[in-house]
Structure formats: structure tokens, C-alpha cells
């Protein structure tokens, strides 16, 4: 099982990624070992996460969300937009 997640950073930016463990991955980002982008940011919280049955579907969804505007990502977080 995989998850697509969005992390809110201290500067208000949003980071989108995939993982098999949201809490573990959040802690890696928090400890500056989770990726290049978040290594230079203050990681605040997991703003959104959704479950996927396999890596392929998670990667497709991640790419879809990454292509969205900030406004649409915020709508997803608030539960206004699903797709």
C-alpha cells in the first residue's frame, strides 16, 4: 500500500510526494533527510494523505496533483476538490 501526501512547509509552500508510511516519511522530512526540497524548509504538518493500492497508481496521482495550481491543492486539502 502506498500513500500520496502533501506537506505544508513553514513558508506556506506545499510539497507533494508518495510513501509507504506517512508518519515515517513526515519525520524524515522534519529531520531534513526526506528530500532536497524539504531539506531547506521548516516542515509543519501533513496537510493531506490518500491511500493507493500500488506504487503505479500513487505515482500517477502524485503527478496529477503536482500539475495543479496551489489553489486547487488547497481545495483538495480542505476537501472541496477530489479530482
N, C-alpha and C. Protein backbone atom coordinates (compact mmCIF):
# COMPACT_ATOMS: atom_id res chain seq x y z
N UNK A 1 0.83 -1.18 0.00
CA UNK A 1 0.00 0.00 0.00
C UNK A 1 0.88 1.25 0.00
N UNK A 2 0.45 2.22 -0.79
CA UNK A 2 1.17 3.49 -0.92
C UNK A 2 0.23 4.64 -0.56
N UNK A 3 0.83 5.77 -0.24
CA UNK A 3 0.09 6.98 0.07
C UNK A 3 0.65 8.14 -0.74
N UNK A 4 -0.24 9.01 -1.20
CA UNK A 4 0.15 10.30 -1.75
C UNK A 4 -0.11 11.30 -0.64
N UNK A 5 0.84 12.18 -0.39
CA UNK A 5 0.70 13.12 0.72
C UNK A 5 1.13 14.51 0.32
N UNK A 6 0.59 15.49 1.01
CA UNK A 6 1.01 16.87 0.86
C UNK A 6 1.47 17.36 2.22
N UNK A 7 2.63 17.97 2.24
CA UNK A 7 3.19 18.54 3.47
C UNK A 7 3.19 20.05 3.33
N UNK A 8 2.75 20.70 4.40
CA UNK A 8 2.81 22.16 4.47
C UNK A 8 4.12 22.57 5.11
N UNK A 9 4.82 23.49 4.46
CA UNK A 9 6.09 23.99 4.99
C UNK A 9 5.88 25.33 5.68
N UNK A 10 6.83 25.72 6.49
CA UNK A 10 6.74 26.94 7.27
C UNK A 10 6.57 28.20 6.45
N UNK A 11 7.06 28.17 5.20
CA UNK A 11 6.91 29.34 4.33
C UNK A 11 5.58 29.32 3.57
N UNK A 12 4.72 28.33 3.89
CA UNK A 12 3.42 28.24 3.24
C UNK A 12 3.40 27.38 1.99
N UNK A 13 4.57 26.95 1.54
CA UNK A 13 4.61 26.12 0.34
C UNK A 13 4.11 24.71 0.65
N UNK A 14 3.74 24.00 -0.40
CA UNK A 14 3.23 22.64 -0.27
C UNK A 14 4.15 21.69 -1.03
N UNK A 15 4.46 20.57 -0.41
CA UNK A 15 5.29 19.54 -1.02
C UNK A 15 4.43 18.29 -1.22
N UNK A 16 4.47 17.70 -2.40
CA UNK A 16 3.70 16.51 -2.71
C UNK A 16 4.65 15.34 -2.93
N UNK A 17 4.33 14.18 -2.34
CA UNK A 17 5.17 13.01 -2.52
C UNK A 17 4.37 11.73 -2.32
N UNK A 18 5.06 10.59 -2.47
CA UNK A 18 4.45 9.29 -2.19
C UNK A 18 5.31 8.55 -1.19
N UNK A 19 4.69 7.61 -0.48
CA UNK A 19 5.39 6.84 0.54
C UNK A 19 4.59 5.59 0.91
N UNK A 20 5.24 4.69 1.61
CA UNK A 20 4.54 3.54 2.18
C UNK A 20 4.20 3.79 3.64
N UNK A 21 4.74 4.87 4.22
CA UNK A 21 4.47 5.20 5.62
C UNK A 21 4.47 6.71 5.81
N UNK A 22 3.31 7.30 5.97
CA UNK A 22 3.19 8.76 6.04
C UNK A 22 3.92 9.32 7.26
N UNK A 23 3.71 8.74 8.42
CA UNK A 23 4.34 9.27 9.63
C UNK A 23 5.87 9.17 9.55
N UNK A 24 6.36 8.03 9.09
CA UNK A 24 7.81 7.85 8.94
C UNK A 24 8.38 8.88 7.97
N UNK A 25 7.69 9.04 6.84
CA UNK A 25 8.19 9.97 5.81
C UNK A 25 8.14 11.41 6.32
N UNK A 26 7.08 11.77 7.04
CA UNK A 26 6.99 13.11 7.61
C UNK A 26 8.18 13.36 8.53
N UNK A 27 8.50 12.39 9.37
CA UNK A 27 9.64 12.54 10.29
C UNK A 27 10.95 12.67 9.53
N UNK A 28 11.10 11.98 8.42
CA UNK A 28 12.30 12.13 7.60
C UNK A 28 12.39 13.55 7.06
N UNK A 29 11.28 14.07 6.56
CA UNK A 29 11.26 15.47 6.08
C UNK A 29 11.59 16.42 7.23
N UNK A 30 10.99 16.18 8.38
CA UNK A 30 11.20 17.03 9.56
C UNK A 30 12.68 17.03 9.98
N UNK A 31 13.34 15.88 9.84
CA UNK A 31 14.75 15.74 10.22
C UNK A 31 15.71 16.09 9.10
N UNK A 32 15.17 16.67 8.03
CA UNK A 32 15.99 17.14 6.90
C UNK A 32 16.63 16.00 6.10
N UNK A 33 16.08 14.79 6.19
CA UNK A 33 16.61 13.66 5.42
C UNK A 33 15.59 13.15 4.41
N UNK A 34 14.49 13.89 4.23
CA UNK A 34 13.39 13.41 3.42
C UNK A 34 13.38 13.83 1.97
N UNK A 35 14.29 14.66 1.56
CA UNK A 35 14.29 15.10 0.18
C UNK A 35 14.91 16.46 0.04
N UNK A 36 15.29 16.77 -1.17
CA UNK A 36 16.01 18.02 -1.43
C UNK A 36 15.16 19.25 -1.10
N UNK A 37 13.93 19.28 -1.57
CA UNK A 37 13.09 20.47 -1.37
C UNK A 37 12.85 20.75 0.10
N UNK A 38 12.45 19.75 0.84
CA UNK A 38 12.11 19.97 2.25
C UNK A 38 13.34 20.08 3.15
N UNK A 39 14.49 19.72 2.64
CA UNK A 39 15.70 19.82 3.48
C UNK A 39 16.04 21.27 3.79
N UNK A 40 15.53 22.20 2.98
CA UNK A 40 15.80 23.62 3.22
C UNK A 40 14.58 24.36 3.77
N UNK A 41 13.58 23.61 4.20
CA UNK A 41 12.32 24.20 4.69
C UNK A 41 12.04 23.73 6.11
N UNK A 42 11.23 24.51 6.81
CA UNK A 42 10.65 24.05 8.07
C UNK A 42 9.38 23.29 7.72
N UNK A 43 9.34 22.03 8.05
CA UNK A 43 8.18 21.20 7.75
C UNK A 43 7.19 21.31 8.90
N UNK A 44 5.95 21.69 8.60
CA UNK A 44 4.97 21.99 9.63
C UNK A 44 4.05 20.81 9.92
N UNK A 45 3.42 20.27 8.87
CA UNK A 45 2.42 19.22 9.10
C UNK A 45 2.12 18.47 7.81
N UNK A 46 1.56 17.28 7.97
CA UNK A 46 0.99 16.57 6.84
C UNK A 46 -0.40 17.18 6.65
N UNK A 47 -0.58 17.85 5.54
CA UNK A 47 -1.83 18.55 5.29
C UNK A 47 -2.88 17.64 4.65
N UNK A 48 -2.42 16.58 3.97
CA UNK A 48 -3.35 15.70 3.25
C UNK A 48 -2.64 14.39 2.95
N UNK A 49 -3.39 13.30 2.97
CA UNK A 49 -2.87 12.00 2.56
C UNK A 49 -4.02 11.15 2.04
N UNK A 50 -3.74 10.36 1.01
CA UNK A 50 -4.73 9.43 0.49
C UNK A 50 -4.06 8.11 0.15
N UNK A 51 -4.77 7.03 0.32
CA UNK A 51 -4.26 5.67 0.16
C UNK A 51 -4.41 5.21 -1.29
N UNK A 52 -3.40 4.44 -1.75
CA UNK A 52 -3.43 3.83 -3.08
C UNK A 52 -2.98 2.38 -2.97
N UNK A 53 -3.55 1.52 -3.81
CA UNK A 53 -3.25 0.09 -3.69
C UNK A 53 -1.84 -0.30 -4.16
N UNK A 54 -1.24 0.53 -5.03
CA UNK A 54 0.08 0.18 -5.56
C UNK A 54 0.87 1.43 -5.92
N UNK A 55 2.15 1.22 -6.17
CA UNK A 55 3.06 2.33 -6.47
C UNK A 55 2.66 3.06 -7.75
N UNK A 56 2.24 2.31 -8.74
CA UNK A 56 1.87 2.90 -10.03
C UNK A 56 0.73 3.90 -9.90
N UNK A 57 -0.33 3.53 -9.20
CA UNK A 57 -1.46 4.46 -9.06
C UNK A 57 -1.07 5.66 -8.20
N UNK A 58 -0.21 5.45 -7.21
CA UNK A 58 0.24 6.57 -6.37
C UNK A 58 1.09 7.54 -7.18
N UNK A 59 1.97 7.02 -8.03
CA UNK A 59 2.81 7.89 -8.86
C UNK A 59 1.97 8.70 -9.85
N UNK A 60 0.94 8.07 -10.41
CA UNK A 60 0.06 8.79 -11.34
C UNK A 60 -0.68 9.91 -10.63
N UNK A 61 -1.18 9.62 -9.45
CA UNK A 61 -1.90 10.63 -8.68
C UNK A 61 -0.97 11.75 -8.24
N UNK A 62 0.25 11.39 -7.81
CA UNK A 62 1.24 12.40 -7.42
C UNK A 62 1.50 13.35 -8.59
N UNK A 63 1.70 12.80 -9.79
CA UNK A 63 1.95 13.64 -10.96
C UNK A 63 0.76 14.55 -11.25
N UNK A 64 -0.44 14.01 -11.10
CA UNK A 64 -1.65 14.81 -11.32
C UNK A 64 -1.70 15.98 -10.34
N UNK A 65 -1.51 15.71 -9.06
CA UNK A 65 -1.59 16.76 -8.04
C UNK A 65 -0.47 17.78 -8.24
N UNK A 66 0.73 17.34 -8.58
CA UNK A 66 1.84 18.27 -8.80
C UNK A 66 1.55 19.22 -9.95
N UNK A 67 0.72 18.81 -10.91
CA UNK A 67 0.41 19.67 -12.06
C UNK A 67 -0.64 20.73 -11.72
N UNK A 68 -1.29 20.59 -10.58
CA UNK A 68 -2.36 21.50 -10.18
C UNK A 68 -1.82 22.84 -9.69
N UNK A 69 -2.69 23.81 -9.72
CA UNK A 69 -2.37 25.12 -9.13
C UNK A 69 -2.39 25.00 -7.60
N UNK A 70 -1.78 25.95 -6.96
CA UNK A 70 -1.81 25.98 -5.50
C UNK A 70 -3.25 26.02 -4.99
N UNK A 71 -4.09 26.81 -5.65
CA UNK A 71 -5.49 26.95 -5.25
C UNK A 71 -6.18 25.59 -5.25
N UNK A 72 -5.97 24.81 -6.30
CA UNK A 72 -6.62 23.50 -6.39
C UNK A 72 -6.08 22.55 -5.32
N UNK A 73 -4.78 22.63 -5.03
CA UNK A 73 -4.21 21.80 -3.96
C UNK A 73 -4.83 22.15 -2.61
N UNK A 74 -5.01 23.44 -2.36
CA UNK A 74 -5.62 23.87 -1.11
C UNK A 74 -7.08 23.40 -1.02
N UNK A 75 -7.78 23.38 -2.14
CA UNK A 75 -9.14 22.86 -2.17
C UNK A 75 -9.17 21.37 -1.83
N UNK A 76 -8.19 20.64 -2.35
CA UNK A 76 -8.09 19.21 -2.03
C UNK A 76 -7.88 19.02 -0.52
N UNK A 77 -6.99 19.81 0.05
CA UNK A 77 -6.71 19.73 1.48
C UNK A 77 -7.98 20.03 2.29
N UNK A 78 -8.73 21.01 1.86
CA UNK A 78 -9.96 21.39 2.56
C UNK A 78 -11.12 20.42 2.27
N UNK A 79 -10.93 19.53 1.29
CA UNK A 79 -11.98 18.57 0.96
C UNK A 79 -13.00 19.07 -0.03
N UNK A 80 -12.70 20.20 -0.67
CA UNK A 80 -13.62 20.78 -1.66
C UNK A 80 -13.49 20.07 -3.00
N UNK A 81 -12.26 19.69 -3.36
CA UNK A 81 -11.99 19.08 -4.65
C UNK A 81 -11.42 17.68 -4.45
N UNK A 82 -11.91 16.72 -5.18
CA UNK A 82 -11.40 15.35 -5.09
C UNK A 82 -10.49 15.00 -6.27
N UNK A 83 -10.80 15.50 -7.43
CA UNK A 83 -10.02 15.13 -8.64
C UNK A 83 -9.78 16.33 -9.52
